[in-house]
Amino acid sequence: MNTRLEITMKHLVLATAIGLSSAQALACPLSDSLAKRYGISFSGFSTAVPESVAPDTAHGGPFIRVRMPDASNVLDGFHHTIVMDRSTKKAWILRTGGFVGVYQWFGPVDVIDPALDNCRLEPTDGANRAERHG
């Protein structure tokens, strides 16, 4: 019976290692680099980011919008979305949710790793018109 338990434990360790390496392989470089640099999590920022207004994406242009992953499962935590100007490598961060339901823009900040591999892109066309006019 010990041998069976040992084999099961080895399979569990192997499955965990594969799962962790797969999760890292599927990470979005843009959101990961900003999350690490500013400490972005369900509780906010650990490094101050200036508050701002929404970027003007109404004219189209080279903007992309990426929803930051949130695995915290905290119902009243913050959620973050990045809007990046691909030509200037500047990003704005939209913070929503929280205990009292905030809706705040921060930035622009310089993007160090603008790679979009495995990022969850969202549409930007006209999305900010309603945000600016509230």
N, C-alpha and C. Protein backbone atom coordinates (compact mmCIF):
# COMPACT_ATOMS: atom_id res chain seq x y z
N MET A 1 0.82 -1.20 0.00
CA MET A 1 0.00 0.00 0.00
C MET A 1 0.86 1.25 0.00
N ASN A 2 2.00 1.21 0.67
CA ASN A 2 2.90 2.35 0.66
C ASN A 2 3.36 2.68 -0.76
N THR A 3 3.63 1.67 -1.55
CA THR A 3 4.08 1.88 -2.93
C THR A 3 3.01 2.59 -3.73
N ARG A 4 1.78 2.19 -3.54
CA ARG A 4 0.67 2.83 -4.26
C ARG A 4 0.55 4.31 -3.87
N LEU A 5 0.69 4.60 -2.59
CA LEU A 5 0.64 5.97 -2.09
C LEU A 5 1.80 6.78 -2.66
N GLU A 6 2.98 6.20 -2.70
CA GLU A 6 4.15 6.89 -3.25
C GLU A 6 3.94 7.23 -4.72
N ILE A 7 3.39 6.30 -5.47
CA ILE A 7 3.14 6.55 -6.90
C ILE A 7 2.11 7.65 -7.06
N THR A 8 1.06 7.60 -6.26
CA THR A 8 0.03 8.65 -6.32
C THR A 8 0.63 10.01 -5.98
N MET A 9 1.46 10.07 -4.96
CA MET A 9 2.10 11.34 -4.57
C MET A 9 3.02 11.85 -5.68
N LYS A 10 3.76 10.96 -6.32
CA LYS A 10 4.63 11.36 -7.43
C LYS A 10 3.82 11.93 -8.57
N HIS A 11 2.69 11.31 -8.88
CA HIS A 11 1.82 11.82 -9.95
C HIS A 11 1.25 13.19 -9.58
N LEU A 12 0.89 13.36 -8.31
CA LEU A 12 0.36 14.63 -7.85
C LEU A 12 1.41 15.73 -7.96
N VAL A 13 2.63 15.45 -7.55
CA VAL A 13 3.72 16.42 -7.65
C VAL A 13 3.99 16.77 -9.11
N LEU A 14 4.02 15.77 -9.96
CA LEU A 14 4.24 16.00 -11.39
C LEU A 14 3.13 16.84 -12.01
N ALA A 15 1.89 16.52 -11.68
CA ALA A 15 0.75 17.27 -12.20
C ALA A 15 0.80 18.72 -11.73
N THR A 16 1.17 18.95 -10.48
CA THR A 16 1.29 20.31 -9.95
C THR A 16 2.38 21.08 -10.67
N ALA A 17 3.52 20.45 -10.88
CA ALA A 17 4.63 21.10 -11.58
C ALA A 17 4.24 21.46 -13.01
N ILE A 18 3.56 20.55 -13.69
CA ILE A 18 3.11 20.83 -15.07
C ILE A 18 2.10 21.96 -15.07
N GLY A 19 1.19 21.95 -14.11
CA GLY A 19 0.19 23.01 -14.02
C GLY A 19 0.80 24.37 -13.78
N LEU A 20 1.77 24.43 -12.88
CA LEU A 20 2.43 25.71 -12.60
C LEU A 20 3.22 26.21 -13.80
N SER A 21 3.92 25.34 -14.47
CA SER A 21 4.70 25.77 -15.63
C SER A 21 3.78 26.16 -16.78
N SER A 22 2.63 25.50 -16.91
CA SER A 22 1.67 25.87 -17.95
C SER A 22 1.07 27.23 -17.66
N ALA A 23 0.77 27.50 -16.40
CA ALA A 23 0.20 28.80 -16.04
C ALA A 23 1.19 29.92 -16.35
N GLN A 24 2.46 29.68 -16.07
CA GLN A 24 3.47 30.69 -16.37
C GLN A 24 3.63 30.86 -17.87
N ALA A 25 3.54 29.77 -18.61
CA ALA A 25 3.71 29.84 -20.05
C ALA A 25 2.55 30.59 -20.71
N LEU A 26 1.39 30.61 -20.08
CA LEU A 26 0.23 31.27 -20.65
C LEU A 26 0.00 32.67 -20.09
N ALA A 27 0.97 33.21 -19.40
CA ALA A 27 0.85 34.53 -18.81
C ALA A 27 0.94 35.61 -19.87
N CYS A 28 0.28 36.73 -19.63
CA CYS A 28 0.31 37.89 -20.52
C CYS A 28 1.47 38.80 -20.09
N PRO A 29 2.50 38.94 -20.93
CA PRO A 29 3.67 39.75 -20.55
C PRO A 29 3.32 41.20 -20.19
N LEU A 30 2.38 41.81 -20.93
CA LEU A 30 1.99 43.20 -20.66
C LEU A 30 1.42 43.33 -19.26
N SER A 31 0.41 42.54 -18.91
CA SER A 31 -0.21 42.67 -17.59
C SER A 31 0.73 42.19 -16.49
N ASP A 32 1.51 41.16 -16.75
CA ASP A 32 2.45 40.68 -15.73
C ASP A 32 3.50 41.73 -15.39
N SER A 33 4.04 42.40 -16.40
CA SER A 33 5.08 43.40 -16.13
C SER A 33 4.52 44.59 -15.35
N LEU A 34 3.30 45.02 -15.68
CA LEU A 34 2.69 46.13 -14.94
C LEU A 34 2.30 45.69 -13.53
N ALA A 35 1.78 44.48 -13.39
CA ALA A 35 1.40 43.98 -12.07
C ALA A 35 2.61 43.90 -11.14
N LYS A 36 3.72 43.43 -11.67
CA LYS A 36 4.93 43.32 -10.85
C LYS A 36 5.50 44.69 -10.49
N ARG A 37 5.53 45.59 -11.48
CA ARG A 37 6.15 46.91 -11.24
C ARG A 37 5.34 47.76 -10.27
N TYR A 38 4.00 47.69 -10.35
CA TYR A 38 3.15 48.54 -9.50
C TYR A 38 2.44 47.77 -8.40
N GLY A 39 2.67 46.47 -8.30
CA GLY A 39 2.03 45.68 -7.26
C GLY A 39 0.52 45.67 -7.40
N ILE A 40 0.04 45.49 -8.62
CA ILE A 40 -1.40 45.53 -8.87
C ILE A 40 -2.03 44.21 -8.44
N SER A 41 -3.05 44.32 -7.59
CA SER A 41 -3.76 43.13 -7.13
C SER A 41 -5.20 43.51 -6.81
N PHE A 42 -5.95 42.55 -6.29
CA PHE A 42 -7.34 42.80 -5.91
C PHE A 42 -7.47 43.88 -4.85
N SER A 43 -6.37 44.19 -4.14
CA SER A 43 -6.41 45.20 -3.09
C SER A 43 -5.91 46.57 -3.55
N GLY A 44 -5.53 46.69 -4.83
CA GLY A 44 -5.09 47.98 -5.35
C GLY A 44 -3.66 47.94 -5.84
N PHE A 45 -2.91 49.04 -5.59
CA PHE A 45 -1.52 49.17 -6.01
C PHE A 45 -0.63 49.22 -4.78
N SER A 46 0.54 48.61 -4.85
CA SER A 46 1.50 48.78 -3.75
C SER A 46 2.47 49.92 -4.05
N THR A 47 2.55 50.34 -5.31
CA THR A 47 3.35 51.50 -5.72
C THR A 47 2.39 52.52 -6.31
N ALA A 48 2.52 53.76 -5.91
CA ALA A 48 1.58 54.80 -6.35
C ALA A 48 1.62 55.00 -7.87
N VAL A 49 0.45 55.14 -8.46
CA VAL A 49 0.28 55.46 -9.87
C VAL A 49 -0.62 56.69 -9.90
N PRO A 50 -0.26 57.74 -10.67
CA PRO A 50 -1.08 58.95 -10.68
C PRO A 50 -2.47 58.70 -11.25
N GLU A 51 -3.47 59.29 -10.59
CA GLU A 51 -4.84 59.19 -11.09
C GLU A 51 -4.97 60.08 -12.33
N SER A 52 -5.80 59.66 -13.28
CA SER A 52 -5.95 60.42 -14.52
C SER A 52 -7.36 60.28 -15.07
N VAL A 53 -7.55 60.78 -16.27
CA VAL A 53 -8.80 60.59 -16.99
C VAL A 53 -8.59 59.46 -17.99
N ALA A 54 -9.68 58.96 -18.54
CA ALA A 54 -9.59 57.87 -19.53
C ALA A 54 -8.84 58.35 -20.77
N PRO A 55 -8.05 57.49 -21.37
CA PRO A 55 -7.39 57.87 -22.63
C PRO A 55 -8.45 58.01 -23.73
N ASP A 56 -8.20 58.89 -24.67
CA ASP A 56 -9.14 59.12 -25.76
C ASP A 56 -8.90 58.10 -26.87
N THR A 57 -9.67 57.05 -26.86
CA THR A 57 -9.54 56.00 -27.87
C THR A 57 -10.63 56.09 -28.93
N ALA A 58 -11.44 57.14 -28.89
CA ALA A 58 -12.58 57.25 -29.81
C ALA A 58 -12.15 57.32 -31.27
N HIS A 59 -10.95 57.84 -31.53
CA HIS A 59 -10.48 57.98 -32.91
C HIS A 59 -9.86 56.68 -33.45
N GLY A 60 -9.94 55.63 -32.66
CA GLY A 60 -9.35 54.36 -33.10
C GLY A 60 -7.87 54.37 -32.77
N GLY A 61 -7.06 54.24 -33.80
CA GLY A 61 -5.63 54.30 -33.59
C GLY A 61 -5.07 53.01 -33.04
N PRO A 62 -3.86 53.10 -32.52
CA PRO A 62 -3.14 51.88 -32.13
C PRO A 62 -3.39 51.44 -30.69
N PHE A 63 -4.61 51.62 -30.17
CA PHE A 63 -4.89 51.25 -28.79
C PHE A 63 -5.31 49.78 -28.67
N ILE A 64 -4.89 49.16 -27.60
CA ILE A 64 -5.37 47.83 -27.27
C ILE A 64 -5.88 47.88 -25.83
N ARG A 65 -6.79 46.98 -25.52
CA ARG A 65 -7.38 46.91 -24.18
C ARG A 65 -7.23 45.48 -23.69
N VAL A 66 -6.64 45.33 -22.50
CA VAL A 66 -6.37 44.01 -21.93
C VAL A 66 -6.93 43.94 -20.52
N ARG A 67 -7.74 42.93 -20.28
CA ARG A 67 -8.26 42.68 -18.93
C ARG A 67 -7.19 41.93 -18.14
N MET A 68 -6.82 42.46 -16.98
CA MET A 68 -5.82 41.80 -16.15
C MET A 68 -6.45 40.59 -15.47
N PRO A 69 -5.77 39.46 -15.47
CA PRO A 69 -6.33 38.28 -14.82
C PRO A 69 -6.45 38.49 -13.32
N ASP A 70 -7.48 37.89 -12.73
CA ASP A 70 -7.68 37.99 -11.29
C ASP A 70 -8.06 36.62 -10.76
N ALA A 71 -7.15 35.98 -10.08
CA ALA A 71 -7.41 34.66 -9.53
C ALA A 71 -7.66 34.71 -8.03
N SER A 72 -7.90 35.91 -7.50
CA SER A 72 -8.03 36.06 -6.05
C SER A 72 -9.34 35.51 -5.51
N ASN A 73 -10.39 35.52 -6.32
CA ASN A 73 -11.73 35.10 -5.88
C ASN A 73 -12.25 35.94 -4.72
N VAL A 74 -11.80 37.19 -4.63
CA VAL A 74 -12.29 38.11 -3.62
C VAL A 74 -13.44 38.91 -4.26
N LEU A 75 -14.64 38.69 -3.77
CA LEU A 75 -15.82 39.28 -4.40
C LEU A 75 -15.81 40.80 -4.40
N ASP A 76 -15.31 41.40 -3.32
CA ASP A 76 -15.31 42.87 -3.26
C ASP A 76 -13.93 43.46 -3.54
N GLY A 77 -13.09 42.71 -4.25
CA GLY A 77 -11.76 43.21 -4.62
C GLY A 77 -11.82 44.06 -5.89
N PHE A 78 -10.72 44.71 -6.20
CA PHE A 78 -10.62 45.51 -7.41
C PHE A 78 -10.33 44.63 -8.62
N HIS A 79 -10.79 45.07 -9.77
CA HIS A 79 -10.47 44.47 -11.07
C HIS A 79 -9.78 45.54 -11.88
N HIS A 80 -8.83 45.14 -12.72
CA HIS A 80 -8.04 46.11 -13.48
C HIS A 80 -8.03 45.77 -14.96
N THR A 81 -8.11 46.82 -15.77
CA THR A 81 -8.04 46.71 -17.22
C THR A 81 -6.98 47.69 -17.70
N ILE A 82 -6.16 47.25 -18.65
CA ILE A 82 -5.10 48.09 -19.21
C ILE A 82 -5.53 48.57 -20.59
N VAL A 83 -5.33 49.85 -20.85
CA VAL A 83 -5.48 50.39 -22.20
C VAL A 83 -4.12 50.93 -22.58
N MET A 84 -3.55 50.38 -23.66
CA MET A 84 -2.20 50.77 -24.06
C MET A 84 -2.21 51.36 -25.47
N ASP A 85 -1.48 52.46 -25.62
CA ASP A 85 -1.23 53.05 -26.93
C ASP A 85 0.01 52.35 -27.47
N ARG A 86 -0.18 51.55 -28.51
CA ARG A 86 0.93 50.74 -29.03
C ARG A 86 2.02 51.59 -29.66
N SER A 87 1.69 52.80 -30.13
CA SER A 87 2.71 53.63 -30.77
C SER A 87 3.61 54.32 -29.75
N THR A 88 3.07 54.72 -28.61
CA THR A 88 3.87 55.43 -27.60
C THR A 88 4.32 54.53 -26.46
N LYS A 89 3.76 53.31 -26.38
CA LYS A 89 4.06 52.37 -25.29
C LYS A 89 3.70 52.98 -23.93
N LYS A 90 2.59 53.71 -23.90
CA LYS A 90 2.04 54.26 -22.66
C LYS A 90 0.77 53.50 -22.34
N ALA A 91 0.51 53.30 -21.04
CA ALA A 91 -0.67 52.56 -20.64
C ALA A 91 -1.43 53.31 -19.54
N TRP A 92 -2.74 53.13 -19.56
CA TRP A 92 -3.63 53.62 -18.52
C TRP A 92 -4.24 52.39 -17.87
N ILE A 93 -4.50 52.48 -16.59
CA ILE A 93 -5.06 51.35 -15.86
C ILE A 93 -6.41 51.76 -15.28
N LEU A 94 -7.45 51.02 -15.63
CA LEU A 94 -8.79 51.25 -15.11
C LEU A 94 -9.02 50.31 -13.94
N ARG A 95 -9.35 50.91 -12.79
CA ARG A 95 -9.66 50.12 -11.58
C ARG A 95 -11.17 50.20 -11.37
N THR A 96 -11.80 49.03 -11.26
CA THR A 96 -13.23 48.98 -11.00
C THR A 96 -13.50 48.04 -9.83
N GLY A 97 -14.72 48.11 -9.32
CA GLY A 97 -15.11 47.19 -8.25
C GLY A 97 -14.73 47.70 -6.89
N GLY A 98 -14.36 46.79 -6.04
CA GLY A 98 -14.04 47.15 -4.67
C GLY A 98 -15.30 47.17 -3.81
N PHE A 99 -15.11 47.43 -2.56
CA PHE A 99 -16.21 47.40 -1.59
C PHE A 99 -17.29 48.42 -1.90
N VAL A 100 -16.88 49.61 -2.38
CA VAL A 100 -17.87 50.66 -2.66
C VAL A 100 -18.08 50.88 -4.15
N GLY A 101 -17.53 50.03 -4.99
CA GLY A 101 -17.77 50.13 -6.43
C GLY A 101 -17.08 51.31 -7.10
N VAL A 102 -15.77 51.35 -7.09
CA VAL A 102 -15.02 52.46 -7.69
C VAL A 102 -14.91 52.29 -9.20
N TYR A 103 -14.61 53.40 -9.85
CA TYR A 103 -14.35 53.45 -11.28
C TYR A 103 -13.31 54.54 -11.47
N GLN A 104 -12.02 54.16 -11.48
CA GLN A 104 -10.93 55.14 -11.49
C GLN A 104 -9.91 54.79 -12.56
N TRP A 105 -9.41 55.84 -13.22
CA TRP A 105 -8.33 55.68 -14.20
C TRP A 105 -7.02 56.15 -13.58
N PHE A 106 -5.94 55.46 -13.94
CA PHE A 106 -4.60 55.80 -13.48
C PHE A 106 -3.66 55.79 -14.68
N GLY A 107 -2.62 56.62 -14.62
CA GLY A 107 -1.62 56.63 -15.68
C GLY A 107 -1.49 58.00 -16.30
N PRO A 108 -0.90 58.09 -17.46
CA PRO A 108 -0.26 57.00 -18.19
C PRO A 108 1.07 56.61 -17.55
N VAL A 109 1.43 55.36 -17.74
CA VAL A 109 2.71 54.83 -17.28
C VAL A 109 3.44 54.24 -18.47
N ASP A 110 4.75 54.19 -18.38
CA ASP A 110 5.56 53.57 -19.44
C ASP A 110 5.43 52.07 -19.38
N VAL A 111 5.31 51.46 -20.54
CA VAL A 111 5.22 50.00 -20.63
C VAL A 111 6.60 49.45 -20.93
N ILE A 112 7.07 48.56 -20.08
CA ILE A 112 8.39 47.96 -20.27
C ILE A 112 8.31 46.75 -21.19
N ASP A 113 7.28 45.91 -21.02
CA ASP A 113 7.12 44.73 -21.86
C ASP A 113 5.75 44.79 -22.55
N PRO A 114 5.70 45.32 -23.77
CA PRO A 114 4.41 45.47 -24.46
C PRO A 114 3.93 44.21 -25.19
N ALA A 115 4.58 43.07 -24.97
CA ALA A 115 4.20 41.84 -25.66
C ALA A 115 2.78 41.44 -25.28
N LEU A 116 2.03 40.98 -26.27
CA LEU A 116 0.62 40.63 -26.06
C LEU A 116 0.35 39.14 -26.15
N ASP A 117 1.41 38.33 -26.13
CA ASP A 117 1.23 36.88 -26.18
C ASP A 117 0.36 36.44 -25.02
N ASN A 118 -0.67 35.66 -25.30
CA ASN A 118 -1.58 35.10 -24.30
C ASN A 118 -2.38 36.13 -23.53
N CYS A 119 -2.46 37.37 -24.02
CA CYS A 119 -3.25 38.40 -23.37
C CYS A 119 -4.71 38.29 -23.81
N ARG A 120 -5.62 38.62 -22.91
CA ARG A 120 -7.04 38.60 -23.21
C ARG A 120 -7.45 39.99 -23.70
N LEU A 121 -7.46 40.18 -25.02
CA LEU A 121 -7.77 41.48 -25.60
C LEU A 121 -9.27 41.73 -25.58
N GLU A 122 -9.63 42.99 -25.37
CA GLU A 122 -11.03 43.41 -25.39
C GLU A 122 -11.17 44.52 -26.42
N PRO A 123 -12.37 44.75 -26.94
CA PRO A 123 -12.56 45.81 -27.94
C PRO A 123 -12.34 47.20 -27.33
N THR A 124 -11.77 48.11 -28.13
CA THR A 124 -11.59 49.49 -27.67
C THR A 124 -12.45 50.45 -28.47
N ASP A 125 -13.00 50.03 -29.58
CA ASP A 125 -13.74 50.92 -30.46
C ASP A 125 -14.96 51.52 -29.75
N GLY A 126 -14.86 52.80 -29.45
CA GLY A 126 -15.95 53.53 -28.83
C GLY A 126 -16.18 53.19 -27.37
N ALA A 127 -15.40 52.30 -26.80
CA ALA A 127 -15.64 51.87 -25.43
C ALA A 127 -15.48 53.01 -24.44
N ASN A 128 -14.62 53.96 -24.74
CA ASN A 128 -14.37 55.04 -23.78
C ASN A 128 -15.32 56.21 -23.95
N ARG A 129 -16.10 56.28 -25.00
CA ARG A 129 -17.03 57.40 -25.16
C ARG A 129 -17.99 57.45 -23.97
N ALA A 130 -18.58 56.32 -23.63
CA ALA A 130 -19.49 56.29 -22.49
C ALA A 130 -18.75 56.55 -21.20
N GLU A 131 -17.50 56.09 -21.10
CA GLU A 131 -16.73 56.29 -19.88
C GLU A 131 -16.42 57.76 -19.65
N ARG A 132 -16.14 58.50 -20.74
CA ARG A 132 -15.80 59.91 -20.60
C ARG A 132 -17.04 60.76 -20.31
N HIS A 133 -18.18 60.31 -20.81
CA HIS A 133 -19.40 61.11 -20.68
C HIS A 133 -20.26 60.63 -19.52
N GLY A 134 -19.78 59.57 -18.86
CA GLY A 134 -20.34 59.05 -17.64
C GLY A 134 -21.74 58.64 -17.61
